[in-house]
Protein backbone atom coordinates (compact mmCIF):
# COMPACT_ATOMS: atom_id res chain seq x y z
CA MET A 1 105.09 108.02 78.86
CA THR A 2 106.06 111.24 77.09
CA HIS A 3 103.72 113.42 79.15
CA ALA A 4 104.03 111.75 82.63
CA LEU A 5 104.24 114.37 85.26
CA SER A 6 103.56 112.43 88.45
CA LEU A 7 105.18 109.26 89.34
CA LEU A 8 103.99 107.56 92.51
CA TYR A 9 106.23 105.10 94.25
CA THR A 10 104.82 102.19 96.32
CA PRO A 11 106.88 99.41 97.90
CA GLY A 12 106.36 95.97 96.30
CA THR A 13 105.63 94.59 99.78
CA HIS A 14 102.22 96.26 99.85
CA PRO A 15 100.05 95.06 96.90
CA ALA A 16 96.96 96.70 98.34
CA ARG A 17 98.65 100.11 98.23
CA ILE A 18 99.80 99.35 94.66
CA SER A 19 96.22 98.76 93.53
CA LYS A 20 94.97 101.87 95.36
CA ALA A 21 97.83 103.95 93.81
CA ARG A 22 96.68 102.92 90.23
CA THR A 23 93.44 104.91 90.77
CA SER A 24 95.07 107.92 92.63
CA GLY A 25 95.38 110.14 89.48
CA ALA A 26 99.22 109.58 89.24
CA ASP A 27 100.38 109.24 85.56
CA ILE A 28 102.54 106.29 86.53
CA VAL A 29 102.74 104.04 89.56
CA ILE A 30 106.29 102.63 90.20
CA ILE A 31 106.50 99.48 92.15
CA ASP A 32 109.64 99.78 94.27
CA LEU A 33 111.87 96.70 94.72
CA GLU A 34 114.87 98.73 95.59
CA ASP A 35 115.37 101.46 98.30
CA ALA A 36 111.89 101.23 99.79
CA VAL A 37 112.37 97.51 100.52
CA ALA A 38 114.66 96.19 103.20
CA HIS A 39 117.01 93.45 101.98
CA ARG A 40 115.25 90.78 104.08
CA ASP A 41 111.98 91.64 102.32
CA LYS A 42 113.14 91.60 98.66
CA GLN A 43 111.51 88.19 97.95
CA ASP A 44 108.16 89.29 99.42
CA ALA A 45 108.45 92.50 97.35
CA ARG A 46 108.99 90.51 94.14
CA ARG A 47 105.93 88.28 94.96
CA GLY A 48 103.81 91.49 95.72
CA ALA A 49 104.88 93.10 92.45
CA ALA A 50 104.10 89.99 90.48
CA ALA A 51 100.57 89.70 92.09
CA SER A 52 99.98 93.43 91.40
CA LEU A 53 101.00 93.09 87.79
CA ALA A 54 98.86 90.04 87.24
CA ALA A 55 95.88 91.80 88.83
CA ALA A 56 96.32 94.95 86.80
CA GLU A 57 96.45 93.17 83.46
CA GLY A 58 93.48 94.43 81.30
CA THR A 59 92.16 96.69 84.01
CA PRO A 60 91.94 100.55 84.01
CA GLY A 61 94.32 102.65 85.98
CA ALA A 62 97.83 104.13 85.82
CA PRO A 63 100.51 101.98 84.11
CA LEU A 64 102.70 100.00 86.35
CA TRP A 65 106.48 100.32 86.15
CA VAL A 66 108.94 98.71 88.48
CA ARG A 67 112.11 100.02 90.00
CA ILE A 68 114.57 97.05 90.07
CA ASN A 69 117.74 96.46 91.93
CA SER A 70 120.70 97.07 89.61
CA ALA A 71 122.93 94.55 91.46
CA ASP A 72 120.47 91.62 91.38
CA PHE A 73 118.23 92.53 88.49
CA ALA A 74 117.85 88.91 87.22
CA ALA A 75 115.71 87.91 90.14
CA ASP A 76 113.58 91.04 89.74
CA LEU A 77 113.11 90.43 86.03
CA ASP A 78 112.14 86.77 86.60
CA ALA A 79 109.29 88.07 88.92
CA VAL A 80 107.94 91.06 86.96
CA LEU A 81 108.33 90.40 83.15
CA MET A 82 104.65 90.01 82.36
CA PRO A 83 102.21 91.73 80.04
CA ALA A 84 101.08 94.45 82.45
CA LEU A 85 104.59 95.68 82.98
CA ALA A 86 104.86 99.10 81.23
CA GLY A 87 108.50 99.68 82.01
CA LEU A 88 111.42 99.48 84.38
CA MET A 89 113.23 102.13 86.33
CA ILE A 90 116.94 101.28 86.39
CA PRO A 91 118.99 102.57 89.24
CA LYS A 92 122.67 103.26 88.82
CA ALA A 93 122.17 103.25 85.07
CA GLU A 94 125.26 102.89 83.04
CA PRO A 95 125.88 101.68 79.49
CA ALA A 96 127.27 98.27 80.54
CA LEU A 97 124.24 97.69 82.84
CA LEU A 98 121.78 98.66 79.96
CA ASP A 99 123.61 96.32 77.60
CA ARG A 100 123.05 93.44 80.11
CA LEU A 101 119.49 94.35 80.61
CA GLU A 102 118.93 94.49 76.81
CA ARG A 103 119.89 90.79 76.49
CA ARG A 104 117.15 89.90 78.94
CA LEU A 105 114.52 92.25 77.49
CA GLN A 106 114.85 91.21 73.80
CA ASN A 107 111.42 90.59 72.27
CA THR A 108 109.61 92.68 74.79
CA GLY A 109 108.17 96.22 74.57
CA VAL A 110 109.48 97.19 77.93
CA SER A 111 110.61 100.82 78.25
CA LEU A 112 113.28 102.15 80.63
CA ILE A 113 113.70 105.14 82.90
CA ALA A 114 117.50 105.55 83.41
CA LEU A 115 118.18 106.64 86.93
CA ILE A 116 121.67 108.02 86.93
CA GLU A 117 123.25 107.85 90.31
CA THR A 118 127.00 107.42 89.56
CA ALA A 119 129.88 109.48 88.26
CA ASN A 120 130.20 106.96 85.29
CA GLY A 121 126.53 107.36 84.53
CA ILE A 122 126.80 111.19 84.44
CA LEU A 123 129.86 110.94 82.17
CA HIS A 124 127.93 108.66 79.80
CA ALA A 125 124.47 110.39 80.10
CA GLU A 126 124.28 111.11 76.33
CA GLU A 127 124.97 107.35 75.48
CA ILE A 128 122.38 106.35 78.08
CA ALA A 129 119.86 108.75 76.80
CA HIS A 130 120.34 107.34 73.22
CA HIS A 131 119.67 103.78 74.30
CA PRO A 132 116.72 102.65 72.33
CA ARG A 133 114.56 101.56 75.28
CA VAL A 134 115.25 104.60 77.42
CA THR A 135 112.35 106.98 77.35
CA ARG A 136 113.51 109.31 80.11
CA LEU A 137 116.54 110.21 82.37
CA ALA A 138 116.30 110.92 86.08
CA VAL A 139 119.03 111.86 88.46
CA GLY A 140 119.21 110.09 91.80
CA GLU A 141 120.69 112.95 93.65
CA ALA A 142 121.07 111.29 97.22
CA ASP A 143 123.05 108.34 95.85
CA LEU A 144 125.02 110.39 93.47
CA ALA A 145 126.03 112.87 96.21
CA GLY A 146 127.20 109.88 98.32
CA GLU A 147 129.28 108.60 95.55
CA LEU A 148 130.79 111.94 94.76
CA ARG A 149 131.34 112.47 98.60
CA ILE A 150 129.70 115.86 98.57
CA THR A 151 127.31 117.34 101.02
CA VAL A 152 124.54 118.97 99.02
CA ASP A 153 123.31 122.35 100.25
CA ARG A 154 119.60 122.92 101.09
CA ASP A 155 118.70 123.96 97.56
CA ALA A 156 120.87 121.22 95.97
CA THR A 157 122.67 123.95 93.80
CA ASP A 158 125.78 121.74 94.03
CA LEU A 159 124.11 119.38 91.56
CA ALA A 160 122.76 121.94 89.14
CA ALA A 161 125.34 121.31 86.60
CA ILE A 162 124.76 117.75 86.71
CA ARG A 163 120.98 118.17 86.28
CA LEU A 164 121.67 120.43 83.27
CA GLN A 165 123.85 117.74 81.78
CA ALA A 166 121.01 115.24 82.06
CA VAL A 167 118.60 117.70 80.49
CA LEU A 168 121.12 118.39 77.60
CA ALA A 169 121.51 114.50 76.99
CA SER A 170 117.86 114.12 77.01
CA ALA A 171 117.26 116.91 74.60
CA ALA A 172 119.99 115.61 72.27
CA ALA A 173 118.50 112.12 72.14
């Protein structure tokens, strides 16, 4: 995943779109079980993600990653831990959450994209970046701005220092 430039998100509730996305030219397809899925549809999204991962096994196309729900990751992992899963995007990534995930991911080759969306995550960005499964950091600016209770200007310059901190943590790792 070192050179992935395009990440295409598709809700888990639409398996046909996921299949089509794999041949779109995107470097990675992320099946979204989090923000793109209404709470009432979470179980349907898990079933759609599982069906898409099963169908993708051994077939050509972009690798499939899944953005899970950080608050209820156990149910998401139960649905998607299968051979075609290339990795997980972890919202609200913090060291304690990564430690809990690690216990579930032992003996798998699953990689992680740590989506930093909390003040605690930013303050621990270097530790998160050094986690052995984390291949990349990302900043979830909308959720982070909400937690920090700031209104981001049109160019999002208010978050420039935070973006730089994530870049520095990544480079150091």
